[in-house]
Amino acid sequence: MTPKERLDAVEDILHRLAAAQQRSQERHEELAETVQLLTSDVQQDAENIRALARNSQILHRSIKALETIAAAHS
């Protein structure tokens, strides 16, 4: 291999490495965006679960109150 051929080979490798690094960076950014969206979804799910739990407690108390009223009138 001549020095010119070696230099061309090294330059080719460097270009391929730069392209691979660019693709890797783009993929990293896409994944970071996906994680951010998923985090937001999980936070919303958690808020919804807390609201459902509060509603369940309110309904439970209402049912218990109705049972008490029904028992008093029987």
N, C-alpha and C. Protein backbone atom coordinates (compact mmCIF):
# COMPACT_ATOMS: atom_id res chain seq x y z
N MET A 1 0.84 -1.17 0.00
CA MET A 1 0.00 0.00 0.00
C MET A 1 0.89 1.24 0.00
N THR A 2 0.58 2.14 -0.86
CA THR A 2 1.37 3.38 -0.92
C THR A 2 0.93 4.31 0.20
N PRO A 3 1.77 5.28 0.52
CA PRO A 3 1.38 6.24 1.55
C PRO A 3 0.05 6.95 1.20
N LYS A 4 -0.14 7.26 -0.07
CA LYS A 4 -1.38 7.92 -0.51
C LYS A 4 -2.58 7.00 -0.27
N GLU A 5 -2.42 5.73 -0.58
CA GLU A 5 -3.51 4.77 -0.37
C GLU A 5 -3.82 4.61 1.13
N ARG A 6 -2.76 4.59 1.93
CA ARG A 6 -2.96 4.50 3.37
C ARG A 6 -3.69 5.73 3.90
N LEU A 7 -3.27 6.90 3.43
CA LEU A 7 -3.92 8.14 3.84
C LEU A 7 -5.39 8.14 3.40
N ASP A 8 -5.66 7.71 2.19
CA ASP A 8 -7.04 7.63 1.70
C ASP A 8 -7.86 6.66 2.56
N ALA A 9 -7.27 5.55 2.94
CA ALA A 9 -7.96 4.56 3.77
C ALA A 9 -8.28 5.14 5.15
N VAL A 10 -7.30 5.85 5.72
CA VAL A 10 -7.51 6.47 7.03
C VAL A 10 -8.61 7.53 6.94
N GLU A 11 -8.56 8.34 5.88
CA GLU A 11 -9.59 9.36 5.69
C GLU A 11 -10.97 8.72 5.53
N ASP A 12 -11.04 7.62 4.82
CA ASP A 12 -12.30 6.91 4.64
C ASP A 12 -12.83 6.42 5.99
N ILE A 13 -11.94 5.87 6.77
CA ILE A 13 -12.33 5.39 8.10
C ILE A 13 -12.83 6.56 8.95
N LEU A 14 -12.13 7.68 8.92
CA LEU A 14 -12.54 8.84 9.70
C LEU A 14 -13.91 9.36 9.26
N HIS A 15 -14.15 9.37 7.95
CA HIS A 15 -15.46 9.81 7.44
C HIS A 15 -16.57 8.86 7.91
N ARG A 16 -16.29 7.56 7.87
CA ARG A 16 -17.29 6.59 8.32
C ARG A 16 -17.53 6.71 9.82
N LEU A 17 -16.48 6.94 10.58
CA LEU A 17 -16.63 7.14 12.03
C LEU A 17 -17.44 8.39 12.33
N ALA A 18 -17.18 9.46 11.60
CA ALA A 18 -17.92 10.71 11.80
C ALA A 18 -19.40 10.51 11.48
N ALA A 19 -19.69 9.78 10.39
CA ALA A 19 -21.08 9.51 10.02
C ALA A 19 -21.76 8.64 11.08
N ALA A 20 -21.05 7.64 11.58
CA ALA A 20 -21.60 6.77 12.61
C ALA A 20 -21.84 7.56 13.90
N GLN A 21 -20.93 8.44 14.23
CA GLN A 21 -21.09 9.27 15.43
C GLN A 21 -22.29 10.18 15.27
N GLN A 22 -22.50 10.74 14.09
CA GLN A 22 -23.65 11.61 13.83
C GLN A 22 -24.96 10.82 13.98
N ARG A 23 -25.00 9.62 13.41
CA ARG A 23 -26.20 8.77 13.54
C ARG A 23 -26.45 8.42 15.01
N SER A 24 -25.38 8.14 15.72
CA SER A 24 -25.50 7.82 17.14
C SER A 24 -26.05 9.01 17.92
N GLN A 25 -25.56 10.19 17.62
CA GLN A 25 -26.04 11.42 18.28
C GLN A 25 -27.51 11.65 17.97
N GLU A 26 -27.91 11.46 16.72
CA GLU A 26 -29.31 11.64 16.34
C GLU A 26 -30.20 10.63 17.06
N ARG A 27 -29.74 9.40 17.15
CA ARG A 27 -30.51 8.35 17.84
C ARG A 27 -30.61 8.67 19.32
N HIS A 28 -29.54 9.16 19.90
CA HIS A 28 -29.55 9.55 21.31
C HIS A 28 -30.59 10.64 21.55
N GLU A 29 -30.63 11.63 20.68
CA GLU A 29 -31.60 12.72 20.82
C GLU A 29 -33.03 12.19 20.69
N GLU A 30 -33.26 11.28 19.75
CA GLU A 30 -34.58 10.68 19.59
C GLU A 30 -34.99 9.91 20.84
N LEU A 31 -34.05 9.15 21.39
CA LEU A 31 -34.34 8.39 22.60
C LEU A 31 -34.60 9.30 23.79
N ALA A 32 -33.85 10.37 23.89
CA ALA A 32 -34.05 11.33 24.99
C ALA A 32 -35.44 11.95 24.89
N GLU A 33 -35.88 12.26 23.68
CA GLU A 33 -37.22 12.81 23.48
C GLU A 33 -38.28 11.77 23.86
N THR A 34 -38.06 10.53 23.49
CA THR A 34 -39.00 9.46 23.83
C THR A 34 -39.09 9.30 25.34
N VAL A 35 -37.96 9.33 26.02
CA VAL A 35 -37.95 9.20 27.49
C VAL A 35 -38.71 10.36 28.11
N GLN A 36 -38.53 11.55 27.57
CA GLN A 36 -39.22 12.73 28.10
C GLN A 36 -40.74 12.57 27.93
N LEU A 37 -41.18 12.09 26.77
CA LEU A 37 -42.60 11.87 26.54
C LEU A 37 -43.16 10.79 27.46
N LEU A 38 -42.41 9.72 27.63
CA LEU A 38 -42.84 8.64 28.52
C LEU A 38 -42.93 9.11 29.96
N THR A 39 -41.99 9.92 30.38
CA THR A 39 -42.00 10.47 31.73
C THR A 39 -43.25 11.31 31.95
N SER A 40 -43.58 12.11 30.96
CA SER A 40 -44.78 12.93 31.05
C SER A 40 -46.03 12.05 31.13
N ASP A 41 -46.07 11.00 30.32
CA ASP A 41 -47.21 10.07 30.35
C ASP A 41 -47.33 9.39 31.71
N VAL A 42 -46.21 8.97 32.27
CA VAL A 42 -46.23 8.30 33.57
C VAL A 42 -46.71 9.27 34.65
N GLN A 43 -46.27 10.51 34.58
CA GLN A 43 -46.72 11.50 35.56
C GLN A 43 -48.23 11.72 35.45
N GLN A 44 -48.74 11.78 34.22
CA GLN A 44 -50.18 11.95 34.03
C GLN A 44 -50.93 10.73 34.55
N ASP A 45 -50.40 9.54 34.27
CA ASP A 45 -51.02 8.32 34.79
C ASP A 45 -51.07 8.33 36.31
N ALA A 46 -50.00 8.77 36.94
CA ALA A 46 -49.95 8.82 38.40
C ALA A 46 -51.01 9.79 38.94
N GLU A 47 -51.16 10.94 38.29
CA GLU A 47 -52.19 11.90 38.71
C GLU A 47 -53.58 11.28 38.56
N ASN A 48 -53.80 10.58 37.46
CA ASN A 48 -55.10 9.94 37.24
C ASN A 48 -55.38 8.87 38.29
N ILE A 49 -54.36 8.10 38.64
CA ILE A 49 -54.53 7.05 39.65
C ILE A 49 -54.87 7.67 41.00
N ARG A 50 -54.18 8.77 41.35
CA ARG A 50 -54.49 9.44 42.61
C ARG A 50 -55.93 9.96 42.62
N ALA A 51 -56.39 10.52 41.49
CA ALA A 51 -57.77 11.02 41.39
C ALA A 51 -58.76 9.86 41.53
N LEU A 52 -58.46 8.73 40.88
CA LEU A 52 -59.34 7.57 41.01
C LEU A 52 -59.39 7.06 42.45
N ALA A 53 -58.27 7.08 43.13
CA ALA A 53 -58.23 6.64 44.53
C ALA A 53 -59.07 7.57 45.40
N ARG A 54 -58.97 8.88 45.16
CA ARG A 54 -59.79 9.84 45.93
C ARG A 54 -61.27 9.59 45.66
N ASN A 55 -61.64 9.39 44.40
CA ASN A 55 -63.04 9.13 44.06
C ASN A 55 -63.52 7.84 44.71
N SER A 56 -62.67 6.84 44.73
CA SER A 56 -63.03 5.56 45.36
C SER A 56 -63.30 5.75 46.85
N GLN A 57 -62.46 6.53 47.51
CA GLN A 57 -62.66 6.79 48.93
C GLN A 57 -63.98 7.53 49.18
N ILE A 58 -64.27 8.50 48.35
CA ILE A 58 -65.52 9.26 48.49
C ILE A 58 -66.72 8.34 48.29
N LEU A 59 -66.67 7.51 47.26
CA LEU A 59 -67.76 6.57 47.01
C LEU A 59 -67.91 5.57 48.15
N HIS A 60 -66.80 5.10 48.68
CA HIS A 60 -66.84 4.16 49.80
C HIS A 60 -67.54 4.79 51.00
N ARG A 61 -67.17 6.04 51.31
CA ARG A 61 -67.81 6.73 52.44
C ARG A 61 -69.30 6.92 52.18
N SER A 62 -69.66 7.25 50.94
CA SER A 62 -71.08 7.43 50.60
C SER A 62 -71.86 6.13 50.76
N ILE A 63 -71.28 5.03 50.31
CA ILE A 63 -71.93 3.73 50.45
C ILE A 63 -72.11 3.36 51.92
N LYS A 64 -71.06 3.60 52.71
CA LYS A 64 -71.15 3.31 54.14
C LYS A 64 -72.25 4.15 54.79
N ALA A 65 -72.36 5.42 54.40
CA ALA A 65 -73.39 6.30 54.96
C ALA A 65 -74.78 5.80 54.57
N LEU A 66 -74.93 5.38 53.31
CA LEU A 66 -76.23 4.86 52.87
C LEU A 66 -76.57 3.57 53.59
N GLU A 67 -75.57 2.72 53.83
CA GLU A 67 -75.81 1.48 54.59
C GLU A 67 -76.27 1.79 56.00
N THR A 68 -75.66 2.82 56.60
CA THR A 68 -76.05 3.23 57.96
C THR A 68 -77.48 3.73 57.98
N ILE A 69 -77.85 4.55 57.00
CA ILE A 69 -79.22 5.08 56.90
C ILE A 69 -80.20 3.93 56.67
N ALA A 70 -79.87 3.03 55.77
CA ALA A 70 -80.75 1.90 55.47
C ALA A 70 -80.93 1.02 56.71
N ALA A 71 -79.87 0.79 57.45
CA ALA A 71 -79.96 -0.05 58.65
C ALA A 71 -80.81 0.64 59.71
N ALA A 72 -80.74 1.95 59.79
CA ALA A 72 -81.52 2.70 60.78
C ALA A 72 -83.01 2.66 60.47
N HIS A 73 -83.33 2.51 59.19
CA HIS A 73 -84.74 2.52 58.78
C HIS A 73 -85.32 1.12 58.60
N SER A 74 -84.59 0.10 58.95
CA SER A 74 -85.13 -1.25 58.76
C SER A 74 -85.69 -1.83 60.04
